[in-house]
């Protein structure tokens, strides 16, 4: 069950949980909500990666199928995707 602070002020809840972790007060941590947030972060990162890869593939297909010179916009998309993927935590997998 979600704690009252978690429901009322998410930012204050995150600060409180971080302070308890740093102080080693593990028994006081809101474990259920903390576990849910960690899972949610992982899902968000995964969806972001999948979305960026889909955009990259779409642009690669456009690039491949175009007979005209490659537009600058596609080049910038490739650079952005490359930077994201190289900085992503998924790059280590």
Protein backbone atom coordinates (compact mmCIF):
# COMPACT_ATOMS: atom_id res chain seq x y z
CA UNK A 1 0.00 0.00 0.00
CA UNK A 2 1.36 3.43 -0.95
CA UNK A 3 2.54 5.64 1.87
CA UNK A 4 0.76 8.90 2.50
CA UNK A 5 3.80 11.03 1.63
CA UNK A 6 4.31 9.06 -1.61
CA UNK A 7 0.75 9.90 -2.67
CA UNK A 8 0.82 13.54 -1.56
CA UNK A 9 4.32 14.77 -2.41
CA UNK A 10 6.34 12.45 -4.63
CA UNK A 11 9.43 14.67 -4.64
CA UNK A 12 9.53 14.89 -0.83
CA UNK A 13 9.06 11.11 -0.68
CA UNK A 14 12.06 10.52 -2.99
CA UNK A 15 14.24 12.87 -0.92
CA UNK A 16 13.18 11.11 2.30
CA UNK A 17 13.87 7.64 0.90
CA UNK A 18 17.30 8.72 -0.38
CA UNK A 19 18.19 10.21 3.02
CA UNK A 20 17.17 7.00 4.78
CA UNK A 21 19.24 4.93 2.37
CA UNK A 22 22.30 7.12 2.84
CA UNK A 23 21.89 7.03 6.63
CA UNK A 24 21.60 3.23 6.58
CA UNK A 25 18.09 3.32 8.03
CA UNK A 26 16.98 0.51 5.73
CA UNK A 27 14.22 -0.73 8.02
CA UNK A 28 12.43 2.63 7.67
CA UNK A 29 12.36 2.62 3.85
CA UNK A 30 9.06 2.38 1.99
CA UNK A 31 10.12 -0.85 0.26
CA UNK A 32 6.95 -1.52 -1.73
CA UNK A 33 6.79 1.90 -3.37
CA UNK A 34 10.57 2.05 -3.82
CA UNK A 35 10.58 -1.31 -5.63
CA UNK A 36 7.72 -0.13 -7.84
CA UNK A 37 9.60 3.05 -8.74
CA UNK A 38 12.77 1.14 -9.62
CA UNK A 39 10.79 -1.19 -11.90
CA UNK A 40 9.09 1.81 -13.47
CA UNK A 41 12.45 3.47 -14.19
CA UNK A 42 13.67 0.31 -15.89
CA UNK A 43 10.55 0.14 -18.07
CA UNK A 44 10.87 3.79 -19.01
CA UNK A 45 14.50 3.33 -20.04
CA UNK A 46 13.61 0.25 -22.08
CA UNK A 47 10.72 1.99 -23.88
CA UNK A 48 12.94 4.99 -24.62
CA UNK A 49 15.57 2.72 -26.14
CA UNK A 50 13.01 0.86 -28.27
CA UNK A 51 11.47 4.15 -29.45
CA UNK A 52 14.83 5.61 -30.46
CA UNK A 53 15.78 2.43 -32.30
CA UNK A 54 12.47 2.51 -34.18
CA UNK A 55 13.08 6.13 -35.24
CA UNK A 56 16.63 5.26 -36.27
CA UNK A 57 15.45 2.29 -38.35
CA UNK A 58 12.75 4.36 -40.02
CA UNK A 59 15.27 7.01 -40.97
CA UNK A 60 17.75 4.41 -42.19
CA UNK A 61 15.04 2.99 -44.45
CA UNK A 62 14.24 6.47 -45.78
CA UNK A 63 17.95 7.10 -46.32
CA UNK A 64 18.34 3.79 -48.17
CA UNK A 65 15.29 4.30 -50.40
CA UNK A 66 15.93 7.91 -51.37
CA UNK A 67 17.68 8.54 -54.66
CA UNK A 68 18.35 12.19 -53.84
CA UNK A 69 21.28 13.37 -51.72
CA UNK A 70 20.80 12.59 -48.05
CA UNK A 71 19.16 15.45 -46.13
CA UNK A 72 20.89 17.02 -43.16
CA UNK A 73 17.92 16.24 -40.92
CA UNK A 74 18.48 12.49 -41.25
CA UNK A 75 22.18 12.93 -40.50
CA UNK A 76 21.37 14.82 -37.32
CA UNK A 77 18.94 12.06 -36.28
CA UNK A 78 21.68 9.48 -36.71
CA UNK A 79 24.05 11.54 -34.57
CA UNK A 80 21.45 11.99 -31.81
CA UNK A 81 20.61 8.27 -31.79
CA UNK A 82 24.28 7.33 -31.79
CA UNK A 83 24.97 9.61 -28.81
CA UNK A 84 21.96 8.27 -26.90
CA UNK A 85 22.90 4.65 -27.54
CA UNK A 86 26.54 5.16 -26.58
CA UNK A 87 25.53 6.87 -23.30
CA UNK A 88 22.71 4.42 -22.55
CA UNK A 89 23.06 1.91 -19.76
CA UNK A 90 21.95 -0.69 -22.29
CA UNK A 91 25.17 -0.19 -24.28
CA UNK A 92 27.01 -2.26 -21.68
CA UNK A 93 24.80 -5.31 -22.19
